[in-house]
PDB file of N, CA and C in Angstrom:
ATOM      1  N   MET A   1     -34.410-198.913  59.654  1.00  0.00           N
ATOM      2  CA  MET A   1     -34.321-200.087  60.554  1.00  0.00           C
ATOM      3  C   MET A   1     -33.403-199.693  61.798  1.00  0.00           C
ATOM      4  N   ALA A   2     -33.809-199.885  62.916  1.00  0.00           N
ATOM      5  CA  ALA A   2     -33.099-199.586  64.093  1.00  0.00           C
ATOM      6  C   ALA A   2     -31.945-200.414  64.364  1.00  0.00           C
ATOM      7  N   LYS A   3     -31.039-199.878  65.091  1.00  0.00           N
ATOM      8  CA  LYS A   3     -29.741-200.679  65.388  1.00  0.00           C
ATOM      9  C   LYS A   3     -30.229-201.889  66.233  1.00  0.00           C
ATOM     10  N   ALA A   4     -29.473-202.862  66.165  1.00  0.00           N
ATOM     11  CA  ALA A   4     -29.611-204.017  66.951  1.00  0.00           C
ATOM     12  C   ALA A   4     -29.700-203.849  68.542  1.00  0.00           C
ATOM     13  N   ASN A   5     -28.988-202.892  69.099  1.00  0.00           N
ATOM     14  CA  ASN A   5     -28.988-202.769  70.443  1.00  0.00           C
ATOM     15  C   ASN A   5     -30.105-201.705  70.901  1.00  0.00           C
ATOM     16  N   SER A   6     -30.869-201.204  70.048  1.00  0.00           N
ATOM     17  CA  SER A   6     -31.787-200.239  70.356  1.00  0.00           C
ATOM     18  C   SER A   6     -33.037-200.958  71.063  1.00  0.00           C
ATOM     19  N   ALA A   7     -33.709-200.220  72.100  1.00  0.00           N
ATOM     20  CA  ALA A   7     -34.702-200.857  72.822  1.00  0.00           C
ATOM     21  C   ALA A   7     -35.924-201.227  72.101  1.00  0.00           C
ATOM     22  N   ASN A   8     -36.249-200.623  70.843  1.00  0.00           N
ATOM     23  CA  ASN A   8     -37.331-200.967  69.980  1.00  0.00           C
ATOM     24  C   ASN A   8     -37.168-201.892  68.873  1.00  0.00           C
ATOM     25  N   THR A   9     -35.959-202.644  68.889  1.00  0.00           N
ATOM     26  CA  THR A   9     -35.667-203.560  67.826  1.00  0.00           C
ATOM     27  C   THR A   9     -36.400-204.768  67.997  1.00  0.00           C
ATOM     28  N   SER A  10     -37.216-205.272  66.980  1.00  0.00           N
ATOM     29  CA  SER A  10     -38.150-206.370  67.057  1.00  0.00           C
ATOM     30  C   SER A  10     -37.179-207.607  67.083  1.00  0.00           C
ATOM     31  N   ASP A  11     -37.949-208.803  67.340  1.00  0.00           N
ATOM     32  CA  ASP A  11     -37.086-210.004  67.467  1.00  0.00           C
ATOM     33  C   ASP A  11     -36.657-210.431  66.137  1.00  0.00           C
ATOM     34  N   SER A  12     -37.467-210.132  65.079  1.00  0.00           N
ATOM     35  CA  SER A  12     -37.132-210.466  63.702  1.00  0.00           C
ATOM     36  C   SER A  12     -35.739-209.724  63.196  1.00  0.00           C
ATOM     37  N   GLU A  13     -35.853-208.424  63.575  1.00  0.00           N
ATOM     38  CA  GLU A  13     -34.580-207.740  63.327  1.00  0.00           C
ATOM     39  C   GLU A  13     -33.314-208.185  63.986  1.00  0.00           C
ATOM     40  N   GLU A  14     -33.523-208.400  65.269  1.00  0.00           N
ATOM     41  CA  GLU A  14     -32.310-209.016  66.020  1.00  0.00           C
ATOM     42  C   GLU A  14     -31.834-210.263  65.296  1.00  0.00           C
ATOM     43  N   LYS A  15     -32.795-211.206  64.835  1.00  0.00           N
ATOM     44  CA  LYS A  15     -32.324-212.287  64.165  1.00  0.00           C
ATOM     45  C   LYS A  15     -31.586-212.014  62.927  1.00  0.00           C
ATOM     46  N   ILE A  16     -31.968-211.045  62.198  1.00  0.00           N
ATOM     47  CA  ILE A  16     -31.230-210.598  60.985  1.00  0.00           C
ATOM     48  C   ILE A  16     -29.711-210.112  61.369  1.00  0.00           C
ATOM     49  N   TRP A  17     -29.763-209.409  62.351  1.00  0.00           N
ATOM     50  CA  TRP A  17     -28.444-208.702  62.786  1.00  0.00           C
ATOM     51  C   TRP A  17     -27.568-209.837  63.321  1.00  0.00           C
ATOM     52  N   GLN A  18     -28.164-210.865  63.991  1.00  0.00           N
ATOM     53  CA  GLN A  18     -27.393-212.041  64.544  1.00  0.00           C
ATOM     54  C   GLN A  18     -26.678-212.831  63.439  1.00  0.00           C
ATOM     55  N   GLN A  19     -27.678-212.955  62.254  1.00  0.00           N
ATOM     56  CA  GLN A  19     -27.130-213.784  61.112  1.00  0.00           C
ATOM     57  C   GLN A  19     -26.016-213.169  60.492  1.00  0.00           C
ATOM     58  N   ILE A  20     -26.032-211.752  60.418  1.00  0.00           N
ATOM     59  CA  ILE A  20     -25.042-210.851  59.938  1.00  0.00           C
ATOM     60  C   ILE A  20     -23.862-211.001  60.734  1.00  0.00           C
ATOM     61  N   ARG A  21     -23.752-210.934  61.947  1.00  0.00           N
ATOM     62  CA  ARG A  21     -22.726-211.218  62.987  1.00  0.00           C
ATOM     63  C   ARG A  21     -22.230-212.407  62.757  1.00  0.00           C
ATOM     64  N   GLU A  22     -22.920-213.589  62.537  1.00  0.00           N
ATOM     65  CA  GLU A  22     -22.321-214.932  62.482  1.00  0.00           C
ATOM     66  C   GLU A  22     -21.547-214.947  61.174  1.00  0.00           C
ATOM     67  N   LYS A  23     -22.089-214.382  60.144  1.00  0.00           N
ATOM     68  CA  LYS A  23     -21.471-214.533  58.747  1.00  0.00           C
ATOM     69  C   LYS A  23     -20.029-213.859  58.825  1.00  0.00           C
ATOM     70  N   THR A  24     -19.988-212.554  59.473  1.00  0.00           N
ATOM     71  CA  THR A  24     -18.843-211.912  59.515  1.00  0.00           C
ATOM     72  C   THR A  24     -17.828-212.420  60.567  1.00  0.00           C
ATOM     73  N   ASP A  25     -18.259-213.126  61.542  1.00  0.00           N
ATOM     74  CA  ASP A  25     -17.267-213.663  62.565  1.00  0.00           C
ATOM     75  C   ASP A  25     -16.797-214.947  61.895  1.00  0.00           C
ATOM     76  N   ASN A  26     -17.332-215.766  60.991  1.00  0.00           N
ATOM     77  CA  ASN A  26     -16.953-216.922  60.468  1.00  0.00           C
ATOM     78  C   ASN A  26     -16.272-216.808  59.199  1.00  0.00           C
ATOM     79  N   ILE A  27     -15.985-215.787  58.620  1.00  0.00           N
ATOM     80  CA  ILE A  27     -15.248-215.715  57.448  1.00  0.00           C
ATOM     81  C   ILE A  27     -13.918-214.963  57.611  1.00  0.00           C
ATOM     82  N   GLN A  28     -12.988-215.590  56.846  1.00  0.00           N
ATOM     83  CA  GLN A  28     -11.539-215.081  57.074  1.00  0.00           C
ATOM     84  C   GLN A  28     -11.111-214.132  55.874  1.00  0.00           C
ATOM     85  N   TYR A  29     -11.574-214.674  54.660  1.00  0.00           N
ATOM     86  CA  TYR A  29     -11.469-213.931  53.480  1.00  0.00           C
ATOM     87  C   TYR A  29     -12.758-214.134  52.624  1.00  0.00           C
ATOM     88  N   GLY A  30     -13.109-213.149  52.117  1.00  0.00           N
ATOM     89  CA  GLY A  30     -14.460-213.178  51.312  1.00  0.00           C
ATOM     90  C   GLY A  30     -15.321-211.927  51.451  1.00  0.00           C
ATOM     91  N   THR A  31     -16.357-211.950  51.135  1.00  0.00           N
ATOM     92  CA  THR A  31     -17.504-210.826  51.115  1.00  0.00           C
ATOM     93  C   THR A  31     -18.789-211.295  51.824  1.00  0.00           C
ATOM     94  N   VAL A  32     -19.335-210.164  52.353  1.00  0.00           N
ATOM     95  CA  VAL A  32     -20.646-210.476  52.987  1.00  0.00           C
ATOM     96  C   VAL A  32     -21.544-209.233  52.358  1.00  0.00           C
ATOM     97  N   THR A  33     -22.566-209.638  51.612  1.00  0.00           N
ATOM     98  CA  THR A  33     -23.329-208.768  50.749  1.00  0.00           C
ATOM     99  C   THR A  33     -24.731-208.548  51.487  1.00  0.00           C
ATOM    100  N   ILE A  34     -25.160-207.408  51.904  1.00  0.00           N
ATOM    101  CA  ILE A  34     -26.410-207.185  52.414  1.00  0.00           C
ATOM    102  C   ILE A  34     -27.332-206.434  51.428  1.00  0.00           C
ATOM    103  N   THR A  35     -28.489-206.899  51.006  1.00  0.00           N
ATOM    104  CA  THR A  35     -29.449-206.350  49.977  1.00  0.00           C
ATOM    105  C   THR A  35     -30.521-205.654  50.846  1.00  0.00           C
ATOM    106  N   VAL A  36     -30.668-204.428  50.354  1.00  0.00           N
ATOM    107  CA  VAL A  36     -31.819-203.585  51.162  1.00  0.00           C
ATOM    108  C   VAL A  36     -32.759-203.100  50.075  1.00  0.00           C
ATOM    109  N   HIS A  37     -34.053-203.373  50.424  1.00  0.00           N
ATOM    110  CA  HIS A  37     -35.229-202.848  49.411  1.00  0.00           C
ATOM    111  C   HIS A  37     -36.147-202.203  50.450  1.00  0.00           C
ATOM    112  N   ASP A  38     -36.592-200.854  49.939  1.00  0.00           N
ATOM    113  CA  ASP A  38     -37.528-200.009  50.690  1.00  0.00           C
ATOM    114  C   ASP A  38     -36.899-199.919  52.136  1.00  0.00           C
ATOM    115  N   GLY A  39     -35.631-199.790  52.460  1.00  0.00           N
ATOM    116  CA  GLY A  39     -35.195-199.367  53.713  1.00  0.00           C
ATOM    117  C   GLY A  39     -35.092-200.673  54.678  1.00  0.00           C
ATOM    118  N   ARG A  40     -35.424-201.884  54.091  1.00  0.00           N
ATOM    119  CA  ARG A  40     -35.303-203.263  54.998  1.00  0.00           C
ATOM    120  C   ARG A  40     -34.247-204.101  54.363  1.00  0.00           C
ATOM    121  N   ILE A  41     -33.705-204.895  55.132  1.00  0.00           N
ATOM    122  CA  ILE A  41     -32.778-205.954  54.751  1.00  0.00           C
ATOM    123  C   ILE A  41     -33.623-207.119  54.237  1.00  0.00           C
ATOM    124  N   THR A  42     -33.330-207.362  52.912  1.00  0.00           N
ATOM    125  CA  THR A  42     -34.069-208.499  52.467  1.00  0.00           C
ATOM    126  C   THR A  42     -33.278-209.742  52.180  1.00  0.00           C
ATOM    127  N   GLN A  43     -31.950-209.615  52.053  1.00  0.00           N
ATOM    128  CA  GLN A  43     -30.974-210.737  51.820  1.00  0.00           C
ATOM    129  C   GLN A  43     -29.685-210.448  52.393  1.00  0.00           C
ATOM    130  N   VAL A  44     -29.057-211.622  52.812  1.00  0.00           N
ATOM    131  CA  VAL A  44     -27.675-211.635  53.174  1.00  0.00           C
ATOM    132  C   VAL A  44     -26.947-212.824  52.632  1.00  0.00           C
ATOM    133  N   GLU A  45     -25.861-212.624  51.775  1.00  0.00           N
ATOM    134  CA  GLU A  45     -25.067-213.479  51.105  1.00  0.00           C
ATOM    135  C   GLU A  45     -23.622-213.337  51.486  1.00  0.00           C
ATOM    136  N   ALA A  46     -22.982-214.653  51.704  1.00  0.00           N
ATOM    137  CA  ALA A  46     -21.735-214.712  52.057  1.00  0.00           C
ATOM    138  C   ALA A  46     -20.780-215.495  51.111  1.00  0.00           C
ATOM    139  N   SER A  47     -19.707-215.004  50.744  1.00  0.00           N
ATOM    140  CA  SER A  47     -18.850-215.654  49.633  1.00  0.00           C
ATOM    141  C   SER A  47     -17.497-215.810  50.311  1.00  0.00           C
ATOM    142  N   THR A  48     -16.929-217.095  50.504  1.00  0.00           N
ATOM    143  CA  THR A  48     -15.660-217.426  51.013  1.00  0.00           C
ATOM    144  C   THR A  48     -14.609-217.497  49.949  1.00  0.00           C
ATOM    145  N   LYS A  49     -13.474-217.072  50.325  1.00  0.00           N
ATOM    146  CA  LYS A  49     -12.285-217.437  49.535  1.00  0.00           C
ATOM    147  C   LYS A  49     -11.288-218.042  50.128  1.00  0.00           C
ATOM    148  N   LEU A  50     -10.564-218.952  49.564  1.00  0.00           N
ATOM    149  CA  LEU A  50      -9.511-219.648  50.217  1.00  0.00           C
ATOM    150  C   LEU A  50      -8.241-219.083  49.746  1.00  0.00           C
ATOM    151  N   ARG A  51      -7.321-218.835  50.664  1.00  0.00           N
ATOM    152  CA  ARG A  51      -5.944-218.313  50.357  1.00  0.00           C
ATOM    153  C   ARG A  51      -4.947-219.285  50.613  1.00  0.00           C
ATOM    154  N   PHE A  52      -3.831-219.453  49.906  1.00  0.00           N
ATOM    155  CA  PHE A  52      -2.761-220.436  50.048  1.00  0.00           C
ATOM    156  C   PHE A  52      -1.453-219.706  50.012  1.00  0.00           C
ATOM    157  N   ASP A  53      -0.590-219.959  51.082  1.00  0.00           N
ATOM    158  CA  ASP A  53       0.616-219.416  51.103  1.00  0.00           C
ATOM    159  C   ASP A  53       1.601-220.251  50.139  1.00  0.00           C
ATOM    160  N   ARG A  54       2.433-219.330  49.371  1.00  0.00           N
ATOM    161  CA  ARG A  54       3.285-220.065  48.421  1.00  0.00           C
ATOM    162  C   ARG A  54       4.583-220.094  48.922  1.00  0.00           C
TER     163      ARG A  54
END
């Protein structure tokens, strides 16, 4: 898969990378998991954790 800033990145690939950027920009604590099958991103999951100061 080409990088998001490559000239030959398709619109659908750019949408995938935009979703990944949104997930990472909007999470303070947690994980973002990217699932790849046959060299293509097939799934993006985000898990958020809440942290409390004591």
